[in-house]
PDB file of all heavy atoms in Angstrom:
ATOM      1  N   ILE A   1     -55.389  41.174 -52.102  1.00  0.00           N
ATOM      2  CA  ILE A   1     -54.996  39.830 -52.272  1.00  0.00           C
ATOM      3  C   ILE A   1     -53.720  39.612 -51.494  1.00  0.00           C
ATOM      4  O   ILE A   1     -52.934  40.516 -51.255  1.00  0.00           O
ATOM      5  CB  ILE A   1     -54.758  39.442 -53.738  1.00  0.00           C
ATOM      6  CG1 ILE A   1     -54.567  37.960 -53.873  1.00  0.00           C
ATOM      7  CG2 ILE A   1     -53.618  40.238 -54.386  1.00  0.00           C
ATOM      8  CD1 ILE A   1     -54.513  37.516 -55.339  1.00  0.00           C
ATOM      9  N   LYS A   2     -53.423  38.421 -50.949  1.00  0.00           N
ATOM     10  CA  LYS A   2     -52.113  38.029 -50.341  1.00  0.00           C
ATOM     11  C   LYS A   2     -51.672  36.752 -51.056  1.00  0.00           C
ATOM     12  O   LYS A   2     -52.545  35.729 -51.230  1.00  0.00           O
ATOM     13  CB  LYS A   2     -52.426  37.682 -48.827  1.00  0.00           C
ATOM     14  CG  LYS A   2     -52.905  38.865 -47.951  1.00  0.00           C
ATOM     15  CD  LYS A   2     -53.120  38.398 -46.511  1.00  0.00           C
ATOM     16  CE  LYS A   2     -53.655  39.415 -45.701  1.00  0.00           C
ATOM     17  NZ  LYS A   2     -53.812  38.934 -44.210  1.00  0.00           N
ATOM     18  N   ILE A   3     -50.380  36.672 -51.357  1.00  0.00           N
ATOM     19  CA  ILE A   3     -49.852  35.471 -51.974  1.00  0.00           C
ATOM     20  C   ILE A   3     -48.570  35.075 -51.363  1.00  0.00           C
ATOM     21  O   ILE A   3     -47.741  35.929 -51.014  1.00  0.00           O
ATOM     22  CB  ILE A   3     -49.521  35.846 -53.551  1.00  0.00           C
ATOM     23  CG1 ILE A   3     -50.877  36.328 -54.179  1.00  0.00           C
ATOM     24  CG2 ILE A   3     -49.036  34.580 -54.246  1.00  0.00           C
ATOM     25  CD1 ILE A   3     -50.676  36.903 -55.607  1.00  0.00           C
ATOM     26  N   HIS A   4     -48.384  33.779 -51.089  1.00  0.00           N
ATOM     27  CA  HIS A   4     -47.093  33.385 -50.652  1.00  0.00           C
ATOM     28  C   HIS A   4     -46.703  31.925 -51.110  1.00  0.00           C
ATOM     29  O   HIS A   4     -47.583  31.289 -51.706  1.00  0.00           O
ATOM     30  CB  HIS A   4     -47.088  33.338 -49.066  1.00  0.00           C
ATOM     31  CG  HIS A   4     -47.993  32.150 -48.573  1.00  0.00           C
ATOM     32  ND1 HIS A   4     -49.327  32.361 -48.407  1.00  0.00           N
ATOM     33  CD2 HIS A   4     -47.724  30.877 -48.143  1.00  0.00           C
ATOM     34  CE1 HIS A   4     -49.803  31.230 -47.842  1.00  0.00           C
ATOM     35  NE2 HIS A   4     -48.981  30.307 -47.856  1.00  0.00           N
ATOM     36  N   LEU A   5     -45.472  31.602 -51.100  1.00  0.00           N
ATOM     37  CA  LEU A   5     -45.035  30.356 -51.606  1.00  0.00           C
ATOM     38  C   LEU A   5     -44.738  29.440 -50.464  1.00  0.00           C
ATOM     39  O   LEU A   5     -44.810  29.795 -49.319  1.00  0.00           O
ATOM     40  CB  LEU A   5     -43.610  30.597 -52.267  1.00  0.00           C
ATOM     41  CG  LEU A   5     -43.513  31.520 -53.437  1.00  0.00           C
ATOM     42  CD1 LEU A   5     -42.050  31.715 -53.864  1.00  0.00           C
ATOM     43  CD2 LEU A   5     -44.312  31.193 -54.629  1.00  0.00           C
ATOM     44  N   THR A   6     -44.846  28.065 -50.884  1.00  0.00           N
ATOM     45  CA  THR A   6     -44.553  27.021 -49.874  1.00  0.00           C
ATOM     46  C   THR A   6     -43.471  26.089 -50.247  1.00  0.00           C
ATOM     47  O   THR A   6     -42.945  26.203 -51.405  1.00  0.00           O
ATOM     48  CB  THR A   6     -45.863  26.236 -49.667  1.00  0.00           C
ATOM     49  OG1 THR A   6     -46.213  25.585 -50.929  1.00  0.00           O
ATOM     50  CG2 THR A   6     -46.983  27.190 -49.212  1.00  0.00           C
ATOM     51  N   GLY A   7     -42.993  25.273 -49.341  1.00  0.00           N
ATOM     52  CA  GLY A   7     -42.078  24.230 -49.721  1.00  0.00           C
ATOM     53  C   GLY A   7     -40.717  24.708 -50.122  1.00  0.00           C
ATOM     54  O   GLY A   7     -40.288  25.807 -49.689  1.00  0.00           O
ATOM     55  N   GLU A   8     -40.143  23.986 -51.089  1.00  0.00           N
ATOM     56  CA  GLU A   8     -38.782  24.366 -51.542  1.00  0.00           C
ATOM     57  C   GLU A   8     -38.730  25.735 -52.300  1.00  0.00           C
ATOM     58  O   GLU A   8     -37.722  26.353 -52.222  1.00  0.00           O
ATOM     59  CB  GLU A   8     -38.258  23.206 -52.554  1.00  0.00           C
ATOM     60  CG  GLU A   8     -36.719  23.368 -52.954  1.00  0.00           C
ATOM     61  CD  GLU A   8     -35.904  23.539 -51.767  1.00  0.00           C
ATOM     62  OE1 GLU A   8     -36.152  22.877 -50.628  1.00  0.00           O
ATOM     63  OE2 GLU A   8     -34.854  24.039 -51.842  1.00  0.00           O
ATOM     64  N   LEU A   9     -39.925  25.996 -53.021  1.00  0.00           N
ATOM     65  CA  LEU A   9     -39.873  27.329 -53.694  1.00  0.00           C
ATOM     66  C   LEU A   9     -39.791  28.480 -52.750  1.00  0.00           C
ATOM     67  O   LEU A   9     -39.065  29.433 -53.079  1.00  0.00           O
ATOM     68  CB  LEU A   9     -41.289  27.464 -54.396  1.00  0.00           C
ATOM     69  CG  LEU A   9     -41.489  26.777 -55.781  1.00  0.00           C
ATOM     70  CD1 LEU A   9     -42.898  26.936 -56.228  1.00  0.00           C
ATOM     71  CD2 LEU A   9     -40.648  27.607 -56.692  1.00  0.00           C
ATOM     72  N   ALA A  10     -40.407  28.393 -51.634  1.00  0.00           N
ATOM     73  CA  ALA A  10     -40.313  29.436 -50.457  1.00  0.00           C
ATOM     74  C   ALA A  10     -38.834  29.520 -50.024  1.00  0.00           C
ATOM     75  O   ALA A  10     -38.446  30.599 -49.520  1.00  0.00           O
ATOM     76  CB  ALA A  10     -41.202  29.151 -49.382  1.00  0.00           C
ATOM     77  N   ASN A  11     -38.134  28.517 -50.037  1.00  0.00           N
ATOM     78  CA  ASN A  11     -36.713  28.548 -49.602  1.00  0.00           C
ATOM     79  C   ASN A  11     -35.819  29.265 -50.615  1.00  0.00           C
ATOM     80  O   ASN A  11     -34.707  29.714 -50.285  1.00  0.00           O
ATOM     81  CB  ASN A  11     -36.123  27.144 -49.366  1.00  0.00           C
ATOM     82  CG  ASN A  11     -36.805  26.427 -48.150  1.00  0.00           C
ATOM     83  OD1 ASN A  11     -37.325  27.142 -47.216  1.00  0.00           O
ATOM     84  ND2 ASN A  11     -37.062  25.149 -48.277  1.00  0.00           N
ATOM     85  N   GLN A  12     -36.078  29.240 -51.887  1.00  0.00           N
ATOM     86  CA  GLN A  12     -35.294  29.757 -52.857  1.00  0.00           C
ATOM     87  C   GLN A  12     -35.771  31.022 -53.488  1.00  0.00           C
ATOM     88  O   GLN A  12     -34.933  31.767 -54.045  1.00  0.00           O
ATOM     89  CB  GLN A  12     -35.174  28.681 -54.041  1.00  0.00           C
ATOM     90  CG  GLN A  12     -34.458  27.412 -53.655  1.00  0.00           C
ATOM     91  CD  GLN A  12     -34.266  26.536 -54.816  1.00  0.00           C
ATOM     92  OE1 GLN A  12     -33.885  26.946 -55.905  1.00  0.00           O
ATOM     93  NE2 GLN A  12     -34.616  25.115 -54.679  1.00  0.00           N
ATOM     94  N   TYR A  13     -37.013  31.346 -53.453  1.00  0.00           N
ATOM     95  CA  TYR A  13     -37.562  32.505 -54.121  1.00  0.00           C
ATOM     96  C   TYR A  13     -38.393  33.334 -53.168  1.00  0.00           C
ATOM     97  O   TYR A  13     -38.960  32.846 -52.156  1.00  0.00           O
ATOM     98  CB  TYR A  13     -38.560  32.031 -55.332  1.00  0.00           C
ATOM     99  CG  TYR A  13     -37.786  31.508 -56.445  1.00  0.00           C
ATOM    100  CD1 TYR A  13     -37.645  30.094 -56.538  1.00  0.00           C
ATOM    101  CD2 TYR A  13     -37.250  32.230 -57.588  1.00  0.00           C
ATOM    102  CE1 TYR A  13     -36.925  29.498 -57.601  1.00  0.00           C
ATOM    103  CE2 TYR A  13     -36.583  31.700 -58.554  1.00  0.00           C
ATOM    104  CZ  TYR A  13     -36.392  30.300 -58.604  1.00  0.00           C
ATOM    105  OH  TYR A  13     -35.813  29.710 -59.632  1.00  0.00           O
ATOM    106  N   ASP A  14     -38.519  34.589 -53.526  1.00  0.00           N
ATOM    107  CA  ASP A  14     -39.616  35.505 -52.939  1.00  0.00           C
ATOM    108  C   ASP A  14     -40.582  35.736 -53.996  1.00  0.00           C
ATOM    109  O   ASP A  14     -40.172  35.927 -55.266  1.00  0.00           O
ATOM    110  CB  ASP A  14     -38.999  36.924 -52.604  1.00  0.00           C
ATOM    111  CG  ASP A  14     -37.974  36.784 -51.385  1.00  0.00           C
ATOM    112  OD1 ASP A  14     -38.446  36.166 -50.408  1.00  0.00           O
ATOM    113  OD2 ASP A  14     -36.879  37.278 -51.423  1.00  0.00           O
ATOM    114  N   ILE A  15     -41.797  35.785 -53.782  1.00  0.00           N
ATOM    115  CA  ILE A  15     -42.880  36.157 -54.640  1.00  0.00           C
ATOM    116  C   ILE A  15     -43.262  37.573 -54.452  1.00  0.00           C
ATOM    117  O   ILE A  15     -43.648  37.998 -53.424  1.00  0.00           O
ATOM    118  CB  ILE A  15     -44.043  35.250 -54.545  1.00  0.00           C
ATOM    119  CG1 ILE A  15     -45.178  35.581 -55.593  1.00  0.00           C
ATOM    120  CG2 ILE A  15     -44.676  35.165 -53.136  1.00  0.00           C
ATOM    121  CD1 ILE A  15     -44.874  35.253 -56.996  1.00  0.00           C
ATOM    122  N   TYR A  16     -43.192  38.365 -55.560  1.00  0.00           N
ATOM    123  CA  TYR A  16     -43.558  39.790 -55.622  1.00  0.00           C
ATOM    124  C   TYR A  16     -44.807  39.832 -56.391  1.00  0.00           C
ATOM    125  O   TYR A  16     -44.905  39.294 -57.429  1.00  0.00           O
ATOM    126  CB  TYR A  16     -42.560  40.684 -56.072  1.00  0.00           C
ATOM    127  CG  TYR A  16     -41.377  40.878 -55.165  1.00  0.00           C
ATOM    128  CD1 TYR A  16     -40.344  39.861 -55.124  1.00  0.00           C
ATOM    129  CD2 TYR A  16     -41.373  41.859 -54.174  1.00  0.00           C
ATOM    130  CE1 TYR A  16     -39.195  40.122 -54.267  1.00  0.00           C
ATOM    131  CE2 TYR A  16     -40.324  42.062 -53.333  1.00  0.00           C
ATOM    132  CZ  TYR A  16     -39.243  41.102 -53.365  1.00  0.00           C
ATOM    133  OH  TYR A  16     -38.161  41.323 -52.414  1.00  0.00           O
ATOM    134  N   TYR A  17     -45.840  40.812 -56.073  1.00  0.00           N
ATOM    135  CA  TYR A  17     -46.948  41.009 -56.868  1.00  0.00           C
ATOM    136  C   TYR A  17     -47.465  42.415 -56.666  1.00  0.00           C
ATOM    137  O   TYR A  17     -47.223  43.009 -55.512  1.00  0.00           O
ATOM    138  CB  TYR A  17     -48.018  39.946 -56.503  1.00  0.00           C
ATOM    139  CG  TYR A  17     -48.243  39.837 -55.009  1.00  0.00           C
ATOM    140  CD1 TYR A  17     -49.154  40.327 -54.207  1.00  0.00           C
ATOM    141  CD2 TYR A  17     -47.347  38.918 -54.262  1.00  0.00           C
ATOM    142  CE1 TYR A  17     -49.296  40.204 -52.883  1.00  0.00           C
ATOM    143  CE2 TYR A  17     -47.396  38.739 -52.959  1.00  0.00           C
ATOM    144  CZ  TYR A  17     -48.340  39.404 -52.243  1.00  0.00           C
ATOM    145  OH  TYR A  17     -48.509  39.193 -50.860  1.00  0.00           O
ATOM    146  N   ARG A  18     -48.018  42.954 -57.618  1.00  0.00           N
ATOM    147  CA  ARG A  18     -48.641  44.260 -57.439  1.00  0.00           C
ATOM    148  C   ARG A  18     -49.965  44.373 -58.112  1.00  0.00           C
ATOM    149  O   ARG A  18     -50.223  43.496 -59.086  1.00  0.00           O
ATOM    150  CB  ARG A  18     -47.717  45.479 -57.967  1.00  0.00           C
ATOM    151  CG  ARG A  18     -47.534  45.333 -59.517  1.00  0.00           C
ATOM    152  CD  ARG A  18     -46.799  46.582 -60.040  1.00  0.00           C
ATOM    153  NE  ARG A  18     -46.572  46.624 -61.498  1.00  0.00           N
ATOM    154  CZ  ARG A  18     -46.195  47.658 -62.175  1.00  0.00           C
ATOM    155  NH1 ARG A  18     -45.929  48.869 -61.573  1.00  0.00           N
ATOM    156  NH2 ARG A  18     -46.041  47.564 -63.460  1.00  0.00           N
ATOM    157  N   VAL A  19     -50.849  45.352 -57.778  1.00  0.00           N
ATOM    158  CA  VAL A  19     -52.167  45.337 -58.346  1.00  0.00           C
ATOM    159  C   VAL A  19     -52.525  46.676 -58.825  1.00  0.00           C
ATOM    160  O   VAL A  19     -51.949  47.720 -58.380  1.00  0.00           O
ATOM    161  CB  VAL A  19     -53.139  44.937 -57.295  1.00  0.00           C
ATOM    162  CG1 VAL A  19     -52.982  43.568 -56.868  1.00  0.00           C
ATOM    163  CG2 VAL A  19     -53.141  45.803 -56.122  1.00  0.00           C
ATOM    164  N   HIS A  20     -53.413  46.823 -59.719  1.00  0.00           N
ATOM    165  CA  HIS A  20     -53.970  47.974 -60.297  1.00  0.00           C
ATOM    166  C   HIS A  20     -55.398  48.111 -59.761  1.00  0.00           C
ATOM    167  O   HIS A  20     -56.243  47.182 -59.977  1.00  0.00           O
ATOM    168  CB  HIS A  20     -54.048  47.890 -61.903  1.00  0.00           C
ATOM    169  CG  HIS A  20     -54.475  49.262 -62.540  1.00  0.00           C
ATOM    170  ND1 HIS A  20     -55.729  49.653 -62.609  1.00  0.00           N
ATOM    171  CD2 HIS A  20     -53.738  50.143 -63.215  1.00  0.00           C
ATOM    172  CE1 HIS A  20     -55.741  50.732 -63.281  1.00  0.00           C
ATOM    173  NE2 HIS A  20     -54.630  50.983 -63.680  1.00  0.00           N
ATOM    174  N   ILE A  21     -55.636  49.243 -58.989  1.00  0.00           N
ATOM    175  CA  ILE A  21     -57.001  49.333 -58.369  1.00  0.00           C
ATOM    176  C   ILE A  21     -57.707  50.549 -58.759  1.00  0.00           C
ATOM    177  O   ILE A  21     -57.035  51.492 -59.330  1.00  0.00           O
ATOM    178  CB  ILE A  21     -56.847  49.323 -56.822  1.00  0.00           C
ATOM    179  CG1 ILE A  21     -56.150  50.539 -56.333  1.00  0.00           C
ATOM    180  CG2 ILE A  21     -56.184  47.998 -56.334  1.00  0.00           C
ATOM    181  CD1 ILE A  21     -56.248  50.633 -54.736  1.00  0.00           C
ATOM    182  N   GLN A  22     -59.073  50.515 -58.608  1.00  0.00           N
ATOM    183  CA  GLN A  22     -59.879  51.702 -58.959  1.00  0.00           C
ATOM    184  C   GLN A  22     -59.375  52.956 -58.343  1.00  0.00           C
ATOM    185  O   GLN A  22     -58.951  53.008 -57.133  1.00  0.00           O
ATOM    186  CB  GLN A  22     -61.279  51.372 -58.434  1.00  0.00           C
ATOM    187  CG  GLN A  22     -62.327  52.416 -58.648  1.00  0.00           C
ATOM    188  CD  GLN A  22     -63.550  52.025 -57.948  1.00  0.00           C
ATOM    189  OE1 GLN A  22     -63.914  50.944 -57.649  1.00  0.00           O
ATOM    190  NE2 GLN A  22     -64.528  53.100 -57.933  1.00  0.00           N
ATOM    191  N   ASP A  23     -59.406  54.032 -59.015  1.00  0.00           N
ATOM    192  CA  ASP A  23     -59.011  55.370 -58.614  1.00  0.00           C
ATOM    193  C   ASP A  23     -57.543  55.618 -58.407  1.00  0.00           C
ATOM    194  O   ASP A  23     -57.036  56.801 -58.581  1.00  0.00           O
ATOM    195  CB  ASP A  23     -59.828  55.869 -57.360  1.00  0.00           C
ATOM    196  CG  ASP A  23     -61.250  55.898 -57.471  1.00  0.00           C
ATOM    197  OD1 ASP A  23     -61.730  55.942 -58.693  1.00  0.00           O
ATOM    198  OD2 ASP A  23     -61.894  55.992 -56.529  1.00  0.00           O
ATOM    199  N   PHE A  24     -56.764  54.533 -58.166  1.00  0.00           N
ATOM    200  CA  PHE A  24     -55.273  54.702 -57.841  1.00  0.00           C
ATOM    201  C   PHE A  24     -54.450  54.288 -58.947  1.00  0.00           C
ATOM    202  O   PHE A  24     -53.222  54.745 -59.057  1.00  0.00           O
ATOM    203  CB  PHE A  24     -54.930  53.972 -56.523  1.00  0.00           C
ATOM    204  CG  PHE A  24     -55.494  54.721 -55.225  1.00  0.00           C
ATOM    205  CD1 PHE A  24     -56.666  54.553 -54.999  1.00  0.00           C
ATOM    206  CD2 PHE A  24     -54.519  55.396 -54.477  1.00  0.00           C
ATOM    207  CE1 PHE A  24     -57.152  55.188 -53.681  1.00  0.00           C
ATOM    208  CE2 PHE A  24     -54.998  55.974 -53.347  1.00  0.00           C
ATOM    209  CZ  PHE A  24     -56.286  55.826 -52.923  1.00  0.00           C
TER     210      PHE A  24
END
């Protein structure tokens, strides 16, 4: 997955995300 913010949110925040995947 890829995720990003737009507009004013993108000017003020970074979006971080992590995933749990099979085997890892």
